[in-house]
Amino acid sequence: MKEESSNFRERVLNLFKSSKGALTQKHFEKEFSDVSLTTILPILNALQKEGMLDVLVNADRTLSWQLRDQMSAEKLKSLSDLEERLVYNSIRNAGEDAASVKLISSETKLPQNRIPRILKSLISKKMIKELPMAVGHKQKVYLLMELEPSEKLAANTLFAGESGVDAEFISILRTACLKYLQDKAISSSHIADPLERRLASYVSCEEIHRFITNTKICTVSFDSQHHS
């Protein structure tokens, strides 16, 4: 009986490792149709007590379970202030999509006017980072220090600075790309045939993307769609 329980425990852990994000009761019922929920729940409870899982409460008041990241779990333990723990955990649960003050307030039940002070403390401890949103987005969002923003979020933060568009970054990017285009034109200038020379001087969007990525001018993950 113990061997069967141990084998099923491994099946549960493997499901978490192969899945992205949290798992709900429906996930377990689908993946483990041969096992009753009364067998699954004790395994989940045991993994939670061992510090391997986080239990999340969904908007519809159902539960979901998520494999705990050990690095962020250790950081959470290092926080002695209860409110800081609540805010950090809320941001951790948001993952690469980041969390706004409004979302943090909703999840932690803390007043919105109290949260900025807590965020400032967590930023000073290098546990989270602030991402200013691009023009048209009033609120800032917060992400664990070790995470990179999702593709959707990166599209809104790529050119954002403290007061909206980051003019300095755009200037650096523009200068570097212009230099790349000029070098391309110079390298093709020796071609005798006018048509071949013109074609050789052209630069595709994909080439610009590779150039920016390889030179590490921008450390935020993005694709060629952001160039248009």
C-alpha atoms as a PDB file:
ATOM      1  CA  MET A   1       0.000   0.000   0.000  1.00  0.00           C
ATOM      2  CA  LYS A   2       2.866   2.378   0.860  1.00  0.00           C
ATOM      3  CA  GLU A   3       4.529   1.570  -2.474  1.00  0.00           C
ATOM      4  CA  GLU A   4       1.315   2.432  -4.359  1.00  0.00           C
ATOM      5  CA  SER A   5       1.043   5.721  -2.455  1.00  0.00           C
ATOM      6  CA  SER A   6       4.685   6.535  -3.228  1.00  0.00           C
ATOM      7  CA  ASN A   7       4.201   5.774  -6.928  1.00  0.00           C
ATOM      8  CA  PHE A   8       1.113   7.968  -7.113  1.00  0.00           C
ATOM      9  CA  ARG A   9       2.952  10.769  -5.321  1.00  0.00           C
ATOM     10  CA  GLU A  10       5.559  10.642  -8.095  1.00  0.00           C
ATOM     11  CA  ARG A  11       2.808  10.784 -10.717  1.00  0.00           C
ATOM     12  CA  VAL A  12       1.388  13.906  -9.068  1.00  0.00           C
ATOM     13  CA  LEU A  13       4.802  15.596  -8.885  1.00  0.00           C
ATOM     14  CA  ASN A  14       5.550  14.722 -12.516  1.00  0.00           C
ATOM     15  CA  LEU A  15       2.249  16.309 -13.548  1.00  0.00           C
ATOM     16  CA  PHE A  16       3.192  19.547 -11.768  1.00  0.00           C
ATOM     17  CA  LYS A  17       6.679  19.546 -13.323  1.00  0.00           C
ATOM     18  CA  SER A  18       5.302  19.040 -16.839  1.00  0.00           C
ATOM     19  CA  SER A  19       2.584  21.674 -16.439  1.00  0.00           C
ATOM     20  CA  LYS A  20       2.893  25.457 -16.516  1.00  0.00           C
ATOM     21  CA  GLY A  21       1.137  27.320 -13.751  1.00  0.00           C
ATOM     22  CA  ALA A  22      -1.400  26.113 -11.226  1.00  0.00           C
ATOM     23  CA  LEU A  23      -3.525  22.949 -11.441  1.00  0.00           C
ATOM     24  CA  THR A  24      -7.179  22.703 -10.448  1.00  0.00           C
ATOM     25  CA  GLN A  25      -9.328  19.794  -9.339  1.00  0.00           C
ATOM     26  CA  LYS A  26     -10.471  19.371 -12.956  1.00  0.00           C
ATOM     27  CA  HIS A  27      -6.870  18.840 -14.066  1.00  0.00           C
ATOM     28  CA  PHE A  28      -6.431  16.000 -11.577  1.00  0.00           C
ATOM     29  CA  GLU A  29      -9.757  14.395 -12.470  1.00  0.00           C
ATOM     30  CA  LYS A  30      -8.782  14.448 -16.147  1.00  0.00           C
ATOM     31  CA  GLU A  31      -5.202  13.200 -15.733  1.00  0.00           C
ATOM     32  CA  PHE A  32      -5.950  10.666 -12.993  1.00  0.00           C
ATOM     33  CA  SER A  33      -9.305   9.278 -14.072  1.00  0.00           C
ATOM     34  CA  ASP A  34      -8.296   5.954 -12.498  1.00  0.00           C
ATOM     35  CA  VAL A  35      -7.903   7.510  -9.035  1.00  0.00           C
ATOM     36  CA  SER A  36     -10.571   8.978  -6.756  1.00  0.00           C
ATOM     37  CA  LEU A  37     -10.350  12.523  -5.410  1.00  0.00           C
ATOM     38  CA  THR A  38     -10.244  11.149  -1.852  1.00  0.00           C
ATOM     39  CA  THR A  39      -6.898   9.568  -2.760  1.00  0.00           C
ATOM     40  CA  ILE A  40      -5.518  12.668  -4.490  1.00  0.00           C
ATOM     41  CA  LEU A  41      -6.293  15.245  -1.772  1.00  0.00           C
ATOM     42  CA  PRO A  42      -4.165  13.644   1.015  1.00  0.00           C
ATOM     43  CA  ILE A  43      -1.192  13.598  -1.381  1.00  0.00           C
ATOM     44  CA  LEU A  44      -1.695  17.294  -2.175  1.00  0.00           C
ATOM     45  CA  ASN A  45      -2.045  18.144   1.524  1.00  0.00           C
ATOM     46  CA  ALA A  46       1.162  16.254   2.339  1.00  0.00           C
ATOM     47  CA  LEU A  47       3.096  18.032  -0.422  1.00  0.00           C
ATOM     48  CA  GLN A  48       1.787  21.368   0.847  1.00  0.00           C
ATOM     49  CA  LYS A  49       2.932  20.634   4.420  1.00  0.00           C
ATOM     50  CA  GLU A  50       6.375  19.688   3.079  1.00  0.00           C
ATOM     51  CA  GLY A  51       6.594  23.124   1.457  1.00  0.00           C
ATOM     52  CA  MET A  52       6.529  21.780  -2.090  1.00  0.00           C
ATOM     53  CA  LEU A  53       3.138  23.204  -3.100  1.00  0.00           C
ATOM     54  CA  ASP A  54       1.264  26.476  -2.750  1.00  0.00           C
ATOM     55  CA  VAL A  55      -2.533  26.472  -2.437  1.00  0.00           C
ATOM     56  CA  LEU A  56      -4.268  29.322  -4.274  1.00  0.00           C
ATOM     57  CA  VAL A  57      -7.859  30.517  -3.939  1.00  0.00           C
ATOM     58  CA  ASN A  58      -9.409  31.292  -7.339  1.00  0.00           C
ATOM     59  CA  ALA A  59     -11.927  34.043  -8.080  1.00  0.00           C
ATOM     60  CA  ASP A  60     -14.761  31.474  -8.060  1.00  0.00           C
ATOM     61  CA  ARG A  61     -13.571  30.322  -4.588  1.00  0.00           C
ATOM     62  CA  THR A  62     -12.298  26.987  -5.875  1.00  0.00           C
ATOM     63  CA  LEU A  63      -8.753  25.872  -5.058  1.00  0.00           C
ATOM     64  CA  SER A  64      -5.746  25.333  -7.272  1.00  0.00           C
ATOM     65  CA  TRP A  65      -2.273  24.023  -6.473  1.00  0.00           C
ATOM     66  CA  GLN A  66       1.082  25.253  -7.738  1.00  0.00           C
ATOM     67  CA  LEU A  67       4.586  23.812  -7.460  1.00  0.00           C
ATOM     68  CA  ARG A  68       6.552  26.109  -5.185  1.00  0.00           C
ATOM     69  CA  ASP A  69       9.691  27.763  -6.474  1.00  0.00           C
ATOM     70  CA  GLN A  70      12.296  27.046  -3.792  1.00  0.00           C
ATOM     71  CA  MET A  71      14.187  30.317  -4.302  1.00  0.00           C
ATOM     72  CA  SER A  72      11.115  32.480  -3.770  1.00  0.00           C
ATOM     73  CA  ALA A  73       9.988  30.206  -0.927  1.00  0.00           C
ATOM     74  CA  GLU A  74      13.247  30.881   0.934  1.00  0.00           C
ATOM     75  CA  LYS A  75      12.854  34.614   0.332  1.00  0.00           C
ATOM     76  CA  LEU A  76       9.314  34.464   1.693  1.00  0.00           C
ATOM     77  CA  LYS A  77      10.582  32.788   4.866  1.00  0.00           C
ATOM     78  CA  SER A  78      13.143  35.575   5.330  1.00  0.00           C
ATOM     79  CA  LEU A  79      10.391  38.196   5.672  1.00  0.00           C
ATOM     80  CA  SER A  80       9.367  38.753   9.275  1.00  0.00           C
ATOM     81  CA  ASP A  81       6.742  41.414   8.511  1.00  0.00           C
ATOM     82  CA  LEU A  82       3.348  39.794   7.862  1.00  0.00           C
ATOM     83  CA  GLU A  83       2.182  42.459   5.399  1.00  0.00           C
ATOM     84  CA  GLU A  84       5.404  42.159   3.400  1.00  0.00           C
ATOM     85  CA  ARG A  85       4.887  38.394   3.226  1.00  0.00           C
ATOM     86  CA  LEU A  86       1.331  38.863   1.956  1.00  0.00           C
ATOM     87  CA  VAL A  87       2.368  41.362  -0.723  1.00  0.00           C
ATOM     88  CA  TYR A  88       5.387  39.307  -1.822  1.00  0.00           C
ATOM     89  CA  ASN A  89       3.253  36.177  -2.080  1.00  0.00           C
ATOM     90  CA  SER A  90       0.643  38.024  -4.159  1.00  0.00           C
ATOM     91  CA  ILE A  91       3.318  39.199  -6.605  1.00  0.00           C
ATOM     92  CA  ARG A  92       4.804  35.704  -6.719  1.00  0.00           C
ATOM     93  CA  ASN A  93       1.412  34.211  -7.553  1.00  0.00           C
ATOM     94  CA  ALA A  94       1.047  36.671 -10.453  1.00  0.00           C
ATOM     95  CA  GLY A  95       4.211  35.235 -11.998  1.00  0.00           C
ATOM     96  CA  GLU A  96       5.508  36.707 -15.253  1.00  0.00           C
ATOM     97  CA  ASP A  97       2.268  38.673 -15.755  1.00  0.00           C
ATOM     98  CA  ALA A  98       3.186  40.870 -12.745  1.00  0.00           C
ATOM     99  CA  ALA A  99       0.768  42.421 -10.240  1.00  0.00           C
ATOM    100  CA  SER A 100      -0.731  45.894  -9.920  1.00  0.00           C
ATOM    101  CA  VAL A 101      -1.460  47.650  -6.618  1.00  0.00           C
ATOM    102  CA  LYS A 102      -5.161  47.048  -7.247  1.00  0.00           C
ATOM    103  CA  LEU A 103      -4.625  43.297  -7.691  1.00  0.00           C
ATOM    104  CA  ILE A 104      -2.364  43.086  -4.636  1.00  0.00           C
ATOM    105  CA  SER A 105      -4.937  44.940  -2.534  1.00  0.00           C
ATOM    106  CA  SER A 106      -7.709  42.629  -3.724  1.00  0.00           C
ATOM    107  CA  GLU A 107      -5.746  39.456  -2.912  1.00  0.00           C
ATOM    108  CA  THR A 108      -4.240  40.552   0.404  1.00  0.00           C
ATOM    109  CA  LYS A 109      -7.215  42.620   1.675  1.00  0.00           C
ATOM    110  CA  LEU A 110      -4.764  45.409   2.514  1.00  0.00           C
ATOM    111  CA  PRO A 111      -5.794  49.044   1.844  1.00  0.00           C
ATOM    112  CA  GLN A 112      -4.338  50.365  -1.416  1.00  0.00           C
ATOM    113  CA  ASN A 113      -2.820  53.408   0.313  1.00  0.00           C
ATOM    114  CA  ARG A 114      -0.732  51.130   2.567  1.00  0.00           C
ATOM    115  CA  ILE A 115       0.735  49.001  -0.232  1.00  0.00           C
ATOM    116  CA  PRO A 116       3.217  51.512  -1.802  1.00  0.00           C
ATOM    117  CA  ARG A 117       5.229  51.627   1.442  1.00  0.00           C
ATOM    118  CA  ILE A 118       5.441  47.822   1.493  1.00  0.00           C
ATOM    119  CA  LEU A 119       6.413  47.698  -2.183  1.00  0.00           C
ATOM    120  CA  LYS A 120       9.180  50.241  -1.586  1.00  0.00           C
ATOM    121  CA  SER A 121      10.562  48.072   1.213  1.00  0.00           C
ATOM    122  CA  LEU A 122      10.526  44.924  -0.956  1.00  0.00           C
ATOM    123  CA  ILE A 123      12.228  46.807  -3.812  1.00  0.00           C
ATOM    124  CA  SER A 124      14.968  48.038  -1.441  1.00  0.00           C
ATOM    125  CA  LYS A 125      15.552  44.403  -0.412  1.00  0.00           C
ATOM    126  CA  LYS A 126      15.887  43.487  -4.126  1.00  0.00           C
ATOM    127  CA  MET A 127      13.059  40.971  -3.871  1.00  0.00           C
ATOM    128  CA  ILE A 128      10.782  42.609  -6.458  1.00  0.00           C
ATOM    129  CA  LYS A 129      11.121  45.144  -9.267  1.00  0.00           C
ATOM    130  CA  GLU A 130       8.864  47.869 -10.574  1.00  0.00           C
ATOM    131  CA  LEU A 131       7.846  47.965 -14.233  1.00  0.00           C
ATOM    132  CA  PRO A 132       6.545  51.342 -15.422  1.00  0.00           C
ATOM    133  CA  MET A 133       3.933  50.901 -18.139  1.00  0.00           C
ATOM    134  CA  ALA A 134       3.952  52.594 -21.533  1.00  0.00           C
ATOM    135  CA  VAL A 135       1.873  55.644 -22.432  1.00  0.00           C
ATOM    136  CA  GLY A 136      -1.843  54.942 -22.019  1.00  0.00           C
ATOM    137  CA  HIS A 137      -1.314  52.744 -18.943  1.00  0.00           C
ATOM    138  CA  LYS A 138      -1.546  54.718 -15.702  1.00  0.00           C
ATOM    139  CA  GLN A 139      -0.564  52.078 -13.166  1.00  0.00           C
ATOM    140  CA  LYS A 140       2.788  50.422 -12.561  1.00  0.00           C
ATOM    141  CA  VAL A 141       3.122  46.682 -12.053  1.00  0.00           C
ATOM    142  CA  TYR A 142       5.439  44.595  -9.895  1.00  0.00           C
ATOM    143  CA  LEU A 143       7.377  41.428 -10.663  1.00  0.00           C
ATOM    144  CA  LEU A 144       9.710  39.134  -8.730  1.00  0.00           C
ATOM    145  CA  MET A 145      13.315  40.254  -9.197  1.00  0.00           C
ATOM    146  CA  GLU A 146      14.377  36.963 -10.804  1.00  0.00           C
ATOM    147  CA  LEU A 147      11.540  36.847 -13.361  1.00  0.00           C
ATOM    148  CA  GLU A 148      11.261  38.385 -16.828  1.00  0.00           C
ATOM    149  CA  PRO A 149       7.919  39.865 -17.954  1.00  0.00           C
ATOM    150  CA  SER A 150       5.607  37.853 -20.206  1.00  0.00           C
ATOM    151  CA  GLU A 151       5.518  38.689 -23.919  1.00  0.00           C
ATOM    152  CA  LYS A 152       2.244  40.553 -23.490  1.00  0.00           C
ATOM    153  CA  LEU A 153       3.592  42.568 -20.569  1.00  0.00           C
ATOM    154  CA  ALA A 154       6.906  43.256 -22.321  1.00  0.00           C
ATOM    155  CA  ALA A 155       5.013  44.864 -25.194  1.00  0.00           C
ATOM    156  CA  ASN A 156       3.673  47.457 -22.731  1.00  0.00           C
ATOM    157  CA  THR A 157       6.926  47.996 -20.813  1.00  0.00           C
ATOM    158  CA  LEU A 158       9.570  47.823 -23.540  1.00  0.00           C
ATOM    159  CA  PHE A 159       9.771  51.578 -24.153  1.00  0.00           C
ATOM    160  CA  ALA A 160       8.405  52.700 -20.781  1.00  0.00           C
ATOM    161  CA  GLY A 161      10.267  54.940 -18.372  1.00  0.00           C
ATOM    162  CA  GLU A 162       9.392  56.746 -15.155  1.00  0.00           C
ATOM    163  CA  SER A 163       7.426  59.406 -17.048  1.00  0.00           C
ATOM    164  CA  GLY A 164       6.132  57.333 -19.936  1.00  0.00           C
ATOM    165  CA  VAL A 165       8.256  56.728 -23.031  1.00  0.00           C
ATOM    166  CA  ASP A 166      11.978  56.268 -22.295  1.00  0.00           C
ATOM    167  CA  ALA A 167      13.449  58.836 -24.709  1.00  0.00           C
ATOM    168  CA  GLU A 168      17.057  58.003 -23.819  1.00  0.00           C
ATOM    169  CA  PHE A 169      16.602  54.308 -24.563  1.00  0.00           C
ATOM    170  CA  ILE A 170      14.843  55.013 -27.868  1.00  0.00           C
ATOM    171  CA  SER A 171      17.664  57.412 -28.851  1.00  0.00           C
ATOM    172  CA  ILE A 172      20.311  54.755 -28.138  1.00  0.00           C
ATOM    173  CA  LEU A 173      18.323  52.144 -30.039  1.00  0.00           C
ATOM    174  CA  ARG A 174      17.780  54.456 -33.010  1.00  0.00           C
ATOM    175  CA  THR A 175      21.487  55.416 -33.192  1.00  0.00           C
ATOM    176  CA  ALA A 176      22.614  51.779 -33.043  1.00  0.00           C
ATOM    177  CA  CYS A 177      20.159  50.689 -35.742  1.00  0.00           C
ATOM    178  CA  LEU A 178      21.142  53.621 -37.986  1.00  0.00           C
ATOM    179  CA  LYS A 179      24.823  52.671 -37.639  1.00  0.00           C
ATOM    180  CA  TYR A 180      23.941  49.069 -38.542  1.00  0.00           C
ATOM    181  CA  LEU A 181      22.090  50.230 -41.680  1.00  0.00           C
ATOM    182  CA  GLN A 182      24.983  52.501 -42.691  1.00  0.00           C
ATOM    183  CA  ASP A 183      27.504  49.682 -42.265  1.00  0.00           C
ATOM    184  CA  LYS A 184      25.288  47.432 -44.383  1.00  0.00           C
ATOM    185  CA  ALA A 185      25.175  50.069 -47.148  1.00  0.00           C
ATOM    186  CA  ILE A 186      28.964  50.564 -47.051  1.00  0.00           C
ATOM    187  CA  SER A 187      29.661  46.816 -47.193  1.00  0.00           C
ATOM    188  CA  SER A 188      27.496  46.472 -50.327  1.00  0.00           C
ATOM    189  CA  SER A 189      28.817  49.592 -52.096  1.00  0.00           C
ATOM    190  CA  HIS A 190      31.583  47.657 -53.885  1.00  0.00           C
ATOM    191  CA  ILE A 191      29.055  45.527 -55.831  1.00  0.00           C
ATOM    192  CA  ALA A 192      29.142  46.577 -59.486  1.00  0.00           C
ATOM    193  CA  ASP A 193      25.631  45.616 -60.516  1.00  0.00           C
ATOM    194  CA  PRO A 194      23.202  48.388 -59.371  1.00  0.00           C
ATOM    195  CA  LEU A 195      20.302  46.010 -58.690  1.00  0.00           C
ATOM    196  CA  GLU A 196      22.426  43.539 -56.725  1.00  0.00           C
ATOM    197  CA  ARG A 197      23.998  46.451 -54.828  1.00  0.00           C
ATOM    198  CA  ARG A 198      20.584  47.779 -53.841  1.00  0.00           C
ATOM    199  CA  LEU A 199      19.296  44.346 -52.792  1.00  0.00           C
ATOM    200  CA  ALA A 200      22.441  43.712 -50.743  1.00  0.00           C
ATOM    201  CA  SER A 201      21.958  47.001 -48.887  1.00  0.00           C
ATOM    202  CA  TYR A 202      18.412  46.143 -47.785  1.00  0.00           C
ATOM    203  CA  VAL A 203      17.899  44.991 -44.204  1.00  0.00           C
ATOM    204  CA  SER A 204      14.916  42.892 -43.112  1.00  0.00           C
ATOM    205  CA  CYS A 205      13.006  43.255 -39.859  1.00  0.00           C
ATOM    206  CA  GLU A 206      14.357  39.854 -38.789  1.00  0.00           C
ATOM    207  CA  GLU A 207      17.951  41.064 -39.297  1.00  0.00           C
ATOM    208  CA  ILE A 208      17.305  44.121 -37.107  1.00  0.00           C
ATOM    209  CA  HIS A 209      15.790  41.838 -34.476  1.00  0.00           C
ATOM    210  CA  ARG A 210      18.884  39.591 -34.500  1.00  0.00           C
ATOM    211  CA  PHE A 211      21.168  42.627 -34.288  1.00  0.00           C
ATOM    212  CA  ILE A 212      19.365  44.067 -31.239  1.00  0.00           C
ATOM    213  CA  THR A 213      19.246  40.648 -29.554  1.00  0.00           C
ATOM    214  CA  ASN A 214      22.914  39.795 -30.205  1.00  0.00           C
ATOM    215  CA  THR A 215      24.229  43.191 -29.073  1.00  0.00           C
ATOM    216  CA  LYS A 216      22.055  43.029 -25.921  1.00  0.00           C
ATOM    217  CA  ILE A 217      21.005  46.664 -26.317  1.00  0.00           C
ATOM    218  CA  CYS A 218      17.652  45.611 -24.896  1.00  0.00           C
ATOM    219  CA  THR A 219      17.459  42.913 -22.212  1.00  0.00           C
ATOM    220  CA  VAL A 220      13.659  42.609 -22.315  1.00  0.00           C
ATOM    221  CA  SER A 221      12.453  39.645 -24.348  1.00  0.00           C
ATOM    222  CA  PHE A 222      10.641  40.726 -27.512  1.00  0.00           C
ATOM    223  CA  ASP A 223      10.168  39.675 -31.132  1.00  0.00           C
ATOM    224  CA  SER A 224      10.235  41.249 -34.587  1.00  0.00           C
ATOM    225  CA  GLN A 225       6.593  42.377 -34.233  1.00  0.00           C
ATOM    226  CA  HIS A 226       7.755  45.069 -31.798  1.00  0.00           C
ATOM    227  CA  HIS A 227       9.832  46.760 -34.515  1.00  0.00           C
ATOM    228  CA  SER A 228       6.857  47.814 -36.596  1.00  0.00           C
END
